[in-house]
Amino acid sequence: MGLGTGIFLITLGAILTFAIRANIWWLDLRAVGWVFILAGLGVVATTLWYWQDRKKRARTLIVEENRLSHPTAMMPPPPDPPPPSAPPT
């Protein structure tokens, strides 16, 4: 669940509470709508609290830099490649 689910529940609850005027003898649509609104608010609040909690956690990034123990200028140059052989005659 997340913000999308919470907003969906709030919207569905508002539609059931304020927009539909049906009379169902076994179901009170206004009460069901308010339950959905409160559930959606709970989901949104829980999601935002969880995100805020994740932001507070410190993440330490350790970067280790390795350097050569001797400078590259002191290394001998690579050997020259052998000369190409003469083509056969």
PDB file of N, CA and C in Angstrom:
ATOM      1  N   MET A   1       0.840  -1.168   0.000  1.00  0.00           N
ATOM      2  CA  MET A   1       0.000   0.000   0.000  1.00  0.00           C
ATOM      3  C   MET A   1       0.883   1.229   0.000  1.00  0.00           C
ATOM      4  N   GLY A   2       0.304   2.319  -0.375  1.00  0.00           N
ATOM      5  CA  GLY A   2       1.061   3.555  -0.408  1.00  0.00           C
ATOM      6  C   GLY A   2       0.136   4.736  -0.521  1.00  0.00           C
ATOM      7  N   LEU A   3       0.699   5.806  -1.009  1.00  0.00           N
ATOM      8  CA  LEU A   3      -0.103   7.018  -1.145  1.00  0.00           C
ATOM      9  C   LEU A   3      -1.254   6.826  -2.121  1.00  0.00           C
ATOM     10  N   GLY A   4      -1.017   6.092  -3.185  1.00  0.00           N
ATOM     11  CA  GLY A   4      -2.083   5.860  -4.171  1.00  0.00           C
ATOM     12  C   GLY A   4      -3.266   5.125  -3.573  1.00  0.00           C
ATOM     13  N   THR A   5      -2.992   4.123  -2.769  1.00  0.00           N
ATOM     14  CA  THR A   5      -4.068   3.368  -2.131  1.00  0.00           C
ATOM     15  C   THR A   5      -4.819   4.236  -1.134  1.00  0.00           C
ATOM     16  N   GLY A   6      -4.085   5.043  -0.365  1.00  0.00           N
ATOM     17  CA  GLY A   6      -4.735   5.925   0.597  1.00  0.00           C
ATOM     18  C   GLY A   6      -5.618   6.952  -0.075  1.00  0.00           C
ATOM     19  N   ILE A   7      -5.134   7.548  -1.146  1.00  0.00           N
ATOM     20  CA  ILE A   7      -5.938   8.535  -1.878  1.00  0.00           C
ATOM     21  C   ILE A   7      -7.150   7.866  -2.505  1.00  0.00           C
ATOM     22  N   PHE A   8      -6.982   6.650  -3.008  1.00  0.00           N
ATOM     23  CA  PHE A   8      -8.121   5.919  -3.576  1.00  0.00           C
ATOM     24  C   PHE A   8      -9.193   5.663  -2.516  1.00  0.00           C
ATOM     25  N   LEU A   9      -8.777   5.237  -1.325  1.00  0.00           N
ATOM     26  CA  LEU A   9      -9.752   4.982  -0.260  1.00  0.00           C
ATOM     27  C   LEU A   9     -10.458   6.264   0.169  1.00  0.00           C
ATOM     28  N   ILE A  10      -9.719   7.357   0.261  1.00  0.00           N
ATOM     29  CA  ILE A  10     -10.342   8.636   0.621  1.00  0.00           C
ATOM     30  C   ILE A  10     -11.359   9.053  -0.438  1.00  0.00           C
ATOM     31  N   THR A  11     -10.988   8.902  -1.706  1.00  0.00           N
ATOM     32  CA  THR A  11     -11.899   9.270  -2.792  1.00  0.00           C
ATOM     33  C   THR A  11     -13.143   8.394  -2.796  1.00  0.00           C
ATOM     34  N   LEU A  12     -12.942   7.099  -2.650  1.00  0.00           N
ATOM     35  CA  LEU A  12     -14.088   6.185  -2.623  1.00  0.00           C
ATOM     36  C   LEU A  12     -15.001   6.493  -1.440  1.00  0.00           C
ATOM     37  N   GLY A  13     -14.406   6.772  -0.291  1.00  0.00           N
ATOM     38  CA  GLY A  13     -15.201   7.120   0.879  1.00  0.00           C
ATOM     39  C   GLY A  13     -15.970   8.414   0.695  1.00  0.00           C
ATOM     40  N   ALA A  14     -15.341   9.405   0.066  1.00  0.00           N
ATOM     41  CA  ALA A  14     -16.038  10.671  -0.181  1.00  0.00           C
ATOM     42  C   ALA A  14     -17.188  10.484  -1.149  1.00  0.00           C
ATOM     43  N   ILE A  15     -17.002   9.645  -2.146  1.00  0.00           N
ATOM     44  CA  ILE A  15     -18.100   9.381  -3.093  1.00  0.00           C
ATOM     45  C   ILE A  15     -19.254   8.691  -2.377  1.00  0.00           C
ATOM     46  N   LEU A  16     -18.942   7.689  -1.578  1.00  0.00           N
ATOM     47  CA  LEU A  16     -20.005   6.979  -0.871  1.00  0.00           C
ATOM     48  C   LEU A  16     -20.699   7.879   0.154  1.00  0.00           C
ATOM     49  N   THR A  17     -19.950   8.770   0.796  1.00  0.00           N
ATOM     50  CA  THR A  17     -20.523   9.606   1.848  1.00  0.00           C
ATOM     51  C   THR A  17     -21.323  10.769   1.285  1.00  0.00           C
ATOM     52  N   PHE A  18     -20.783  11.461   0.309  1.00  0.00           N
ATOM     53  CA  PHE A  18     -21.382  12.724  -0.109  1.00  0.00           C
ATOM     54  C   PHE A  18     -22.105  12.686  -1.450  1.00  0.00           C
ATOM     55  N   ALA A  19     -21.804  11.739  -2.318  1.00  0.00           N
ATOM     56  CA  ALA A  19     -22.365  11.793  -3.667  1.00  0.00           C
ATOM     57  C   ALA A  19     -23.514  10.816  -3.891  1.00  0.00           C
ATOM     58  N   ILE A  20     -23.498   9.691  -3.252  1.00  0.00           N
ATOM     59  CA  ILE A  20     -24.533   8.681  -3.498  1.00  0.00           C
ATOM     60  C   ILE A  20     -25.640   8.837  -2.462  1.00  0.00           C
ATOM     61  N   ARG A  21     -26.858   8.922  -2.945  1.00  0.00           N
ATOM     62  CA  ARG A  21     -28.016   9.072  -2.065  1.00  0.00           C
ATOM     63  C   ARG A  21     -28.956   7.875  -2.179  1.00  0.00           C
ATOM     64  N   ALA A  22     -28.376   6.706  -2.282  1.00  0.00           N
ATOM     65  CA  ALA A  22     -29.194   5.491  -2.383  1.00  0.00           C
ATOM     66  C   ALA A  22     -29.626   5.060  -0.988  1.00  0.00           C
ATOM     67  N   ASN A  23     -30.789   4.434  -0.918  1.00  0.00           N
ATOM     68  CA  ASN A  23     -31.311   3.920   0.342  1.00  0.00           C
ATOM     69  C   ASN A  23     -31.261   2.400   0.304  1.00  0.00           C
ATOM     70  N   ILE A  24     -30.244   1.855   0.939  1.00  0.00           N
ATOM     71  CA  ILE A  24     -30.120   0.409   1.026  1.00  0.00           C
ATOM     72  C   ILE A  24     -30.447   0.051   2.464  1.00  0.00           C
ATOM     73  N   TRP A  25     -31.454  -0.792   2.660  1.00  0.00           N
ATOM     74  CA  TRP A  25     -31.957  -1.038   4.005  1.00  0.00           C
ATOM     75  C   TRP A  25     -30.969  -1.778   4.892  1.00  0.00           C
ATOM     76  N   TRP A  26     -30.047  -2.540   4.318  1.00  0.00           N
ATOM     77  CA  TRP A  26     -29.108  -3.331   5.108  1.00  0.00           C
ATOM     78  C   TRP A  26     -27.710  -2.729   5.196  1.00  0.00           C
ATOM     79  N   LEU A  27     -27.507  -1.528   4.557  1.00  0.00           N
ATOM     80  CA  LEU A  27     -26.180  -0.921   4.529  1.00  0.00           C
ATOM     81  C   LEU A  27     -26.298   0.592   4.624  1.00  0.00           C
ATOM     82  N   ASP A  28     -25.560   1.179   5.531  1.00  0.00           N
ATOM     83  CA  ASP A  28     -25.517   2.634   5.653  1.00  0.00           C
ATOM     84  C   ASP A  28     -24.304   3.133   4.863  1.00  0.00           C
ATOM     85  N   LEU A  29     -24.558   3.699   3.689  1.00  0.00           N
ATOM     86  CA  LEU A  29     -23.469   4.122   2.805  1.00  0.00           C
ATOM     87  C   LEU A  29     -22.650   5.260   3.410  1.00  0.00           C
ATOM     88  N   ARG A  30     -23.275   6.126   4.172  1.00  0.00           N
ATOM     89  CA  ARG A  30     -22.525   7.226   4.795  1.00  0.00           C
ATOM     90  C   ARG A  30     -21.525   6.681   5.813  1.00  0.00           C
ATOM     91  N   ALA A  31     -21.921   5.686   6.593  1.00  0.00           N
ATOM     92  CA  ALA A  31     -21.000   5.105   7.581  1.00  0.00           C
ATOM     93  C   ALA A  31     -19.849   4.375   6.885  1.00  0.00           C
ATOM     94  N   VAL A  32     -20.175   3.639   5.837  1.00  0.00           N
ATOM     95  CA  VAL A  32     -19.132   2.937   5.085  1.00  0.00           C
ATOM     96  C   VAL A  32     -18.177   3.949   4.448  1.00  0.00           C
ATOM     97  N   GLY A  33     -18.709   5.046   3.945  1.00  0.00           N
ATOM     98  CA  GLY A  33     -17.875   6.093   3.356  1.00  0.00           C
ATOM     99  C   GLY A  33     -16.921   6.702   4.366  1.00  0.00           C
ATOM    100  N   TRP A  34     -17.431   6.977   5.578  1.00  0.00           N
ATOM    101  CA  TRP A  34     -16.559   7.537   6.609  1.00  0.00           C
ATOM    102  C   TRP A  34     -15.483   6.539   7.040  1.00  0.00           C
ATOM    103  N   VAL A  35     -15.824   5.273   7.061  1.00  0.00           N
ATOM    104  CA  VAL A  35     -14.815   4.261   7.388  1.00  0.00           C
ATOM    105  C   VAL A  35     -13.720   4.243   6.325  1.00  0.00           C
ATOM    106  N   PHE A  36     -14.095   4.334   5.061  1.00  0.00           N
ATOM    107  CA  PHE A  36     -13.099   4.366   3.982  1.00  0.00           C
ATOM    108  C   PHE A  36     -12.229   5.626   4.066  1.00  0.00           C
ATOM    109  N   ILE A  37     -12.851   6.760   4.376  1.00  0.00           N
ATOM    110  CA  ILE A  37     -12.080   8.003   4.501  1.00  0.00           C
ATOM    111  C   ILE A  37     -11.063   7.879   5.627  1.00  0.00           C
ATOM    112  N   LEU A  38     -11.484   7.384   6.773  1.00  0.00           N
ATOM    113  CA  LEU A  38     -10.569   7.237   7.903  1.00  0.00           C
ATOM    114  C   LEU A  38      -9.476   6.207   7.609  1.00  0.00           C
ATOM    115  N   ALA A  39      -9.834   5.129   6.933  1.00  0.00           N
ATOM    116  CA  ALA A  39      -8.825   4.130   6.565  1.00  0.00           C
ATOM    117  C   ALA A  39      -7.816   4.733   5.592  1.00  0.00           C
ATOM    118  N   GLY A  40      -8.277   5.515   4.630  1.00  0.00           N
ATOM    119  CA  GLY A  40      -7.369   6.171   3.686  1.00  0.00           C
ATOM    120  C   GLY A  40      -6.444   7.156   4.369  1.00  0.00           C
ATOM    121  N   LEU A  41      -6.983   7.916   5.322  1.00  0.00           N
ATOM    122  CA  LEU A  41      -6.135   8.836   6.076  1.00  0.00           C
ATOM    123  C   LEU A  41      -5.093   8.070   6.887  1.00  0.00           C
ATOM    124  N   GLY A  42      -5.487   6.942   7.433  1.00  0.00           N
ATOM    125  CA  GLY A  42      -4.529   6.113   8.174  1.00  0.00           C
ATOM    126  C   GLY A  42      -3.425   5.582   7.280  1.00  0.00           C
ATOM    127  N   VAL A  43      -3.786   5.152   6.087  1.00  0.00           N
ATOM    128  CA  VAL A  43      -2.779   4.641   5.143  1.00  0.00           C
ATOM    129  C   VAL A  43      -1.820   5.754   4.730  1.00  0.00           C
ATOM    130  N   VAL A  44      -2.359   6.940   4.432  1.00  0.00           N
ATOM    131  CA  VAL A  44      -1.503   8.062   4.040  1.00  0.00           C
ATOM    132  C   VAL A  44      -0.570   8.455   5.185  1.00  0.00           C
ATOM    133  N   ALA A  45      -1.108   8.535   6.401  1.00  0.00           N
ATOM    134  CA  ALA A  45      -0.282   8.914   7.550  1.00  0.00           C
ATOM    135  C   ALA A  45       0.803   7.869   7.816  1.00  0.00           C
ATOM    136  N   THR A  46       0.449   6.596   7.715  1.00  0.00           N
ATOM    137  CA  THR A  46       1.436   5.538   7.934  1.00  0.00           C
ATOM    138  C   THR A  46       2.532   5.572   6.867  1.00  0.00           C
ATOM    139  N   THR A  47       2.139   5.790   5.630  1.00  0.00           N
ATOM    140  CA  THR A  47       3.118   5.851   4.546  1.00  0.00           C
ATOM    141  C   THR A  47       4.064   7.023   4.729  1.00  0.00           C
ATOM    142  N   LEU A  48       3.525   8.203   5.055  1.00  0.00           N
ATOM    143  CA  LEU A  48       4.380   9.370   5.258  1.00  0.00           C
ATOM    144  C   LEU A  48       5.293   9.186   6.465  1.00  0.00           C
ATOM    145  N   TRP A  49       4.807   8.571   7.522  1.00  0.00           N
ATOM    146  CA  TRP A  49       5.633   8.302   8.699  1.00  0.00           C
ATOM    147  C   TRP A  49       6.766   7.347   8.344  1.00  0.00           C
ATOM    148  N   TYR A  50       6.457   6.327   7.554  1.00  0.00           N
ATOM    149  CA  TYR A  50       7.480   5.362   7.158  1.00  0.00           C
ATOM    150  C   TYR A  50       8.547   6.036   6.305  1.00  0.00           C
ATOM    151  N   TRP A  51       8.126   6.895   5.370  1.00  0.00           N
ATOM    152  CA  TRP A  51       9.093   7.605   4.533  1.00  0.00           C
ATOM    153  C   TRP A  51       9.951   8.532   5.368  1.00  0.00           C
ATOM    154  N   GLN A  52       9.344   9.233   6.326  1.00  0.00           N
ATOM    155  CA  GLN A  52      10.106  10.138   7.175  1.00  0.00           C
ATOM    156  C   GLN A  52      11.117   9.361   8.011  1.00  0.00           C
ATOM    157  N   ASP A  53      10.723   8.193   8.480  1.00  0.00           N
ATOM    158  CA  ASP A  53      11.620   7.355   9.266  1.00  0.00           C
ATOM    159  C   ASP A  53      12.808   6.900   8.420  1.00  0.00           C
ATOM    160  N   ARG A  54      12.582   6.611   7.164  1.00  0.00           N
ATOM    161  CA  ARG A  54      13.670   6.178   6.290  1.00  0.00           C
ATOM    162  C   ARG A  54      14.638   7.314   6.008  1.00  0.00           C
ATOM    163  N   LYS A  55      14.138   8.566   5.955  1.00  0.00           N
ATOM    164  CA  LYS A  55      15.015   9.696   5.701  1.00  0.00           C
ATOM    165  C   LYS A  55      15.947   9.954   6.874  1.00  0.00           C
ATOM    166  N   LYS A  56      15.498   9.635   8.089  1.00  0.00           N
ATOM    167  CA  LYS A  56      16.296   9.913   9.275  1.00  0.00           C
ATOM    168  C   LYS A  56      17.469   8.950   9.422  1.00  0.00           C
ATOM    169  N   ARG A  57      17.375   7.784   8.844  1.00  0.00           N
ATOM    170  CA  ARG A  57      18.457   6.812   8.969  1.00  0.00           C
ATOM    171  C   ARG A  57      19.690   7.330   8.253  1.00  0.00           C
ATOM    172  N   ALA A  58      20.777   7.355   8.962  1.00  0.00           N
ATOM    173  CA  ALA A  58      22.021   7.840   8.362  1.00  0.00           C
ATOM    174  C   ALA A  58      22.659   6.712   7.560  1.00  0.00           C
ATOM    175  N   ARG A  59      23.044   7.045   6.377  1.00  0.00           N
ATOM    176  CA  ARG A  59      23.744   6.083   5.538  1.00  0.00           C
ATOM    177  C   ARG A  59      25.151   6.606   5.340  1.00  0.00           C
ATOM    178  N   THR A  60      26.114   5.844   5.776  1.00  0.00           N
ATOM    179  CA  THR A  60      27.504   6.245   5.658  1.00  0.00           C
ATOM    180  C   THR A  60      28.120   5.531   4.467  1.00  0.00           C
ATOM    181  N   LEU A  61      28.682   6.304   3.595  1.00  0.00           N
ATOM    182  CA  LEU A  61      29.344   5.758   2.421  1.00  0.00           C
ATOM    183  C   LEU A  61      30.842   5.867   2.638  1.00  0.00           C
ATOM    184  N   ILE A  62      31.484   4.737   2.704  1.00  0.00           N
ATOM    185  CA  ILE A  62      32.919   4.705   2.931  1.00  0.00           C
ATOM    186  C   ILE A  62      33.601   4.483   1.590  1.00  0.00           C
ATOM    187  N   VAL A  63      34.442   5.422   1.239  1.00  0.00           N
ATOM    188  CA  VAL A  63      35.188   5.324  -0.009  1.00  0.00           C
ATOM    189  C   VAL A  63      36.649   5.123   0.354  1.00  0.00           C
ATOM    190  N   GLU A  64      37.200   4.035  -0.118  1.00  0.00           N
ATOM    191  CA  GLU A  64      38.598   3.742   0.160  1.00  0.00           C
ATOM    192  C   GLU A  64      39.397   4.009  -1.096  1.00  0.00           C
ATOM    193  N   GLU A  65      40.443   4.802  -0.935  1.00  0.00           N
ATOM    194  CA  GLU A  65      41.258   5.150  -2.086  1.00  0.00           C
ATOM    195  C   GLU A  65      42.593   4.432  -1.973  1.00  0.00           C
ATOM    196  N   ASN A  66      42.901   3.646  -2.956  1.00  0.00           N
ATOM    197  CA  ASN A  66      44.176   2.933  -2.972  1.00  0.00           C
ATOM    198  C   ASN A  66      45.145   3.685  -3.884  1.00  0.00           C
ATOM    199  N   ARG A  67      46.324   3.913  -3.374  1.00  0.00           N
ATOM    200  CA  ARG A  67      47.356   4.564  -4.183  1.00  0.00           C
ATOM    201  C   ARG A  67      48.518   3.587  -4.344  1.00  0.00           C
ATOM    202  N   LEU A  68      49.222   3.753  -5.421  1.00  0.00           N
ATOM    203  CA  LEU A  68      50.393   2.911  -5.636  1.00  0.00           C
ATOM    204  C   LEU A  68      51.464   3.262  -4.616  1.00  0.00           C
ATOM    205  N   SER A  69      52.224   2.280  -4.211  1.00  0.00           N
ATOM    206  CA  SER A  69      53.251   2.525  -3.206  1.00  0.00           C
ATOM    207  C   SER A  69      54.485   3.192  -3.805  1.00  0.00           C
ATOM    208  N   HIS A  70      54.616   3.213  -5.106  1.00  0.00           N
ATOM    209  CA  HIS A  70      55.749   3.868  -5.749  1.00  0.00           C
ATOM    210  C   HIS A  70      55.231   4.646  -6.937  1.00  0.00           C
ATOM    211  N   PRO A  71      55.876   5.720  -7.263  1.00  0.00           N
ATOM    212  CA  PRO A  71      55.399   6.522  -8.399  1.00  0.00           C
ATOM    213  C   PRO A  71      55.612   5.786  -9.717  1.00  0.00           C
ATOM    214  N   THR A  72      54.779   6.087 -10.664  1.00  0.00           N
ATOM    215  CA  THR A  72      54.865   5.398 -11.955  1.00  0.00           C
ATOM    216  C   THR A  72      56.089   5.826 -12.750  1.00  0.00           C
ATOM    217  N   ALA A  73      56.664   6.985 -12.475  1.00  0.00           N
ATOM    218  CA  ALA A  73      57.832   7.452 -13.233  1.00  0.00           C
ATOM    219  C   ALA A  73      59.064   6.600 -12.938  1.00  0.00           C
ATOM    220  N   MET A  74      59.124   5.948 -11.819  1.00  0.00           N
ATOM    221  CA  MET A  74      60.288   5.154 -11.459  1.00  0.00           C
ATOM    222  C   MET A  74      60.244   3.755 -12.073  1.00  0.00           C
ATOM    223  N   MET A  75      59.143   3.401 -12.639  1.00  0.00           N
ATOM    224  CA  MET A  75      59.059   2.072 -13.241  1.00  0.00           C
ATOM    225  C   MET A  75      59.812   2.084 -14.569  1.00  0.00           C
ATOM    226  N   PRO A  76      60.496   0.996 -14.905  1.00  0.00           N
ATOM    227  CA  PRO A  76      61.208   0.969 -16.190  1.00  0.00           C
ATOM    228  C   PRO A  76      60.191   0.943 -17.334  1.00  0.00           C
ATOM    229  N   PRO A  77      60.559   1.525 -18.446  1.00  0.00           N
ATOM    230  CA  PRO A  77      59.633   1.510 -19.588  1.00  0.00           C
ATOM    231  C   PRO A  77      59.456   0.094 -20.109  1.00  0.00           C
ATOM    232  N   PRO A  78      58.355  -0.166 -20.745  1.00  0.00           N
ATOM    233  CA  PRO A  78      58.145  -1.517 -21.270  1.00  0.00           C
ATOM    234  C   PRO A  78      59.142  -1.819 -22.375  1.00  0.00           C
ATOM    235  N   PRO A  79      59.505  -3.086 -22.558  1.00  0.00           N
ATOM    236  CA  PRO A  79      60.482  -3.423 -23.603  1.00  0.00           C
ATOM    237  C   PRO A  79      59.899  -3.158 -24.985  1.00  0.00           C
ATOM    238  N   ASP A  80      60.818  -2.855 -25.909  1.00  0.00           N
ATOM    239  CA  ASP A  80      60.398  -2.607 -27.280  1.00  0.00           C
ATOM    240  C   ASP A  80      59.927  -3.910 -27.909  1.00  0.00           C
ATOM    241  N   PRO A  81      58.933  -3.821 -28.759  1.00  0.00           N
ATOM    242  CA  PRO A  81      58.496  -5.057 -29.417  1.00  0.00           C
ATOM    243  C   PRO A  81      59.571  -5.528 -30.392  1.00  0.00           C
ATOM    244  N   PRO A  82      59.641  -6.829 -30.638  1.00  0.00           N
ATOM    245  CA  PRO A  82      60.663  -7.327 -31.585  1.00  0.00           C
ATOM    246  C   PRO A  82      60.387  -6.774 -32.988  1.00  0.00           C
ATOM    247  N   PRO A  83      61.469  -6.581 -33.765  1.00  0.00           N
ATOM    248  CA  PRO A  83      61.253  -6.050 -35.121  1.00  0.00           C
ATOM    249  C   PRO A  83      60.550  -7.089 -35.983  1.00  0.00           C
ATOM    250  N   PRO A  84      59.786  -6.616 -36.941  1.00  0.00           N
ATOM    251  CA  PRO A  84      59.102  -7.591 -37.797  1.00  0.00           C
ATOM    252  C   PRO A  84      60.114  -8.363 -38.640  1.00  0.00           C
ATOM    253  N   SER A  85      59.819  -9.593 -38.880  1.00  0.00           N
ATOM    254  CA  SER A  85      60.726 -10.399 -39.675  1.00  0.00           C
ATOM    255  C   SER A  85      60.591 -10.028 -41.136  1.00  0.00           C
ATOM    256  N   ALA A  86      61.680 -10.250 -41.850  1.00  0.00           N
ATOM    257  CA  ALA A  86      61.677  -9.887 -43.273  1.00  0.00           C
ATOM    258  C   ALA A  86      60.743 -10.834 -44.018  1.00  0.00           C
ATOM    259  N   PRO A  87      60.045 -10.323 -45.023  1.00  0.00           N
ATOM    260  CA  PRO A  87      59.150 -11.212 -45.779  1.00  0.00           C
ATOM    261  C   PRO A  87      59.945 -12.248 -46.569  1.00  0.00           C
ATOM    262  N   PRO A  88      59.397 -13.416 -46.732  1.00  0.00           N
ATOM    263  CA  PRO A  88      60.134 -14.448 -47.494  1.00  0.00           C
ATOM    264  C   PRO A  88      60.259 -14.046 -48.961  1.00  0.00           C
ATOM    265  N   THR A  89      61.411 -14.401 -49.546  1.00  0.00           N
ATOM    266  CA  THR A  89      61.631 -14.059 -50.963  1.00  0.00           C
ATOM    267  C   THR A  89      61.555 -15.264 -51.853  1.00  0.00           C
TER     268      THR A  89
END
